[in-house]
Amino acid sequence: MAAELHVELVAADRSVWSGEATLVVARTTSGDIGVMPGHQPLLGVLESGPVTIRTSDGGTVIAAVHGGFISFADDKLSLLAEIAELADEIDVERAERAFERAKSDTDSAAERRADVRLRAVAVH
């Protein structure tokens, strides 16, 4: 059996995804990080960006994550996000409208959130 890590992706309002994975890639304030089984313990601050989870069964889960924390120890990875949504849950047309609206309103935070949602769907 291949080495695995247990992943919990949790948003402020719900559990978004939980399962076994072989690799998780996320953006932190220190840059992008890839976590595999056996990684050194870590604690970091998540930046807004797509999170990619390579599941143990060979699948891929993509989520748009907006802020939060990442922690890893003993092959258990926790992604505690302020906001997180799976790429499958994102309404592309709605995200595109939100992106355009935020650009015209010069709301950089809203523009960044919409951009992350669109990037998560594009990767998916």
Protein backbone atom coordinates (compact mmCIF):
# COMPACT_ATOMS: atom_id res chain seq x y z
CA MET A 1 0.00 0.00 0.00
CA ALA A 2 1.31 3.46 -0.92
CA ALA A 3 1.97 6.00 1.79
CA GLU A 4 -0.99 8.27 2.51
CA LEU A 5 -1.89 11.26 4.58
CA HIS A 6 -5.28 12.03 6.03
CA VAL A 7 -6.65 15.39 4.83
CA GLU A 8 -9.36 17.53 6.39
CA LEU A 9 -10.44 20.64 4.46
CA VAL A 10 -12.72 22.68 6.69
CA ALA A 11 -14.32 26.08 6.10
CA ALA A 12 -15.70 28.30 8.84
CA ASP A 13 -19.22 27.03 8.14
CA ARG A 14 -18.73 23.36 7.14
CA SER A 15 -16.50 20.39 6.47
CA VAL A 16 -15.64 20.67 2.76
CA TRP A 17 -13.64 17.48 2.09
CA SER A 18 -12.07 14.68 4.08
CA GLY A 19 -10.13 11.66 2.93
CA GLU A 20 -6.83 10.01 2.14
CA ALA A 21 -4.33 11.61 -0.22
CA THR A 22 -0.83 11.18 -1.57
CA LEU A 23 -0.14 14.90 -2.20
CA VAL A 24 -1.65 18.27 -1.33
CA VAL A 25 -0.52 21.54 -2.91
CA ALA A 26 -1.56 24.85 -1.34
CA ARG A 27 -0.48 28.49 -1.39
CA THR A 28 0.89 29.93 1.85
CA THR A 29 2.26 33.34 2.75
CA SER A 30 5.71 31.77 2.20
CA GLY A 31 4.80 30.47 -1.28
CA ASP A 32 3.32 27.31 -2.73
CA ILE A 33 3.88 24.15 -0.70
CA GLY A 34 3.44 20.50 -1.53
CA VAL A 35 2.81 18.10 1.34
CA MET A 36 3.32 14.34 0.99
CA PRO A 37 3.28 11.56 3.59
CA GLY A 38 6.27 11.86 5.91
CA HIS A 39 6.61 15.64 5.44
CA GLN A 40 8.13 17.57 8.32
CA PRO A 41 5.53 19.04 10.70
CA LEU A 42 4.40 22.48 9.61
CA LEU A 43 2.07 25.30 10.49
CA GLY A 44 1.41 28.06 7.97
CA VAL A 45 -0.98 30.78 6.91
CA LEU A 46 -2.98 30.06 3.76
CA GLU A 47 -3.18 32.63 1.00
CA SER A 48 -6.19 32.74 -1.30
CA GLY A 49 -5.65 30.25 -4.09
CA PRO A 50 -6.56 26.86 -5.46
CA VAL A 51 -5.73 23.82 -3.34
CA THR A 52 -5.02 20.59 -5.20
CA ILE A 53 -5.52 17.24 -3.45
CA ARG A 54 -4.28 14.08 -5.18
CA THR A 55 -6.44 11.37 -3.66
CA SER A 56 -5.20 7.88 -2.83
CA ASP A 57 -7.46 6.37 -5.50
CA GLY A 58 -5.74 8.43 -8.22
CA GLY A 59 -8.33 11.21 -8.41
CA THR A 60 -7.90 14.92 -7.98
CA VAL A 61 -9.91 17.31 -5.82
CA ILE A 62 -9.57 21.05 -6.44
CA ALA A 63 -10.88 23.68 -4.04
CA ALA A 64 -10.87 27.47 -4.00
CA VAL A 65 -9.58 28.52 -0.58
CA HIS A 66 -9.66 32.04 0.81
CA GLY A 67 -7.39 32.51 3.82
CA GLY A 68 -6.91 30.34 6.86
CA PHE A 69 -4.27 27.97 8.20
CA ILE A 70 -2.52 24.75 7.19
CA SER A 71 -1.05 22.33 9.68
CA PHE A 72 0.61 18.97 9.25
CA ALA A 73 1.88 16.40 11.76
CA ASP A 74 1.84 12.61 11.98
CA ASP A 75 0.53 12.25 8.39
CA LYS A 76 -2.55 14.34 9.23
CA LEU A 77 -3.05 17.53 7.20
CA SER A 78 -5.60 20.14 8.25
CA LEU A 79 -6.61 23.01 6.01
CA LEU A 80 -8.70 25.39 8.10
CA ALA A 81 -10.06 28.01 5.70
CA GLU A 82 -12.13 31.11 6.19
CA ILE A 83 -13.96 30.22 2.96
CA ALA A 84 -13.52 27.08 0.84
CA GLU A 85 -15.51 25.56 -1.99
CA LEU A 86 -14.88 22.60 -4.23
CA ALA A 87 -14.40 23.36 -7.91
CA ASP A 88 -17.46 21.19 -8.65
CA GLU A 89 -19.59 23.56 -6.52
CA ILE A 90 -18.53 26.76 -8.28
CA ASP A 91 -20.98 28.36 -10.70
CA VAL A 92 -18.60 29.60 -13.42
CA GLU A 93 -20.98 32.18 -14.90
CA ARG A 94 -21.71 33.61 -11.45
CA ALA A 95 -17.98 33.75 -10.64
CA GLU A 96 -17.27 35.52 -13.95
CA ARG A 97 -19.98 38.10 -13.24
CA ALA A 98 -18.61 38.64 -9.73
CA PHE A 99 -15.10 39.08 -11.16
CA GLU A 100 -16.26 41.70 -13.68
CA ARG A 101 -18.38 43.49 -11.07
CA ALA A 102 -15.45 43.60 -8.63
CA LYS A 103 -13.14 44.97 -11.33
CA SER A 104 -15.60 47.75 -12.20
CA ASP A 105 -16.14 48.56 -8.51
CA THR A 106 -12.36 48.46 -7.92
CA ASP A 107 -12.95 46.05 -5.03
CA SER A 108 -9.60 44.27 -4.99
CA ALA A 109 -10.60 41.76 -2.28
CA ALA A 110 -13.74 40.68 -4.15
CA GLU A 111 -11.79 40.57 -7.42
CA ARG A 112 -9.17 38.31 -5.79
CA ARG A 113 -11.88 35.95 -4.41
CA ALA A 114 -13.59 35.69 -7.81
CA ASP A 115 -10.24 35.15 -9.55
CA VAL A 116 -9.37 32.27 -7.18
CA ARG A 117 -12.75 30.64 -7.82
CA LEU A 118 -12.20 30.86 -11.60
CA ARG A 119 -8.64 29.49 -11.30
CA ALA A 120 -9.90 26.54 -9.24
CA VAL A 121 -12.46 25.69 -11.91
CA ALA A 122 -9.87 26.09 -14.68
CA VAL A 123 -7.49 23.65 -12.97
CA HIS A 124 -10.33 21.22 -12.42
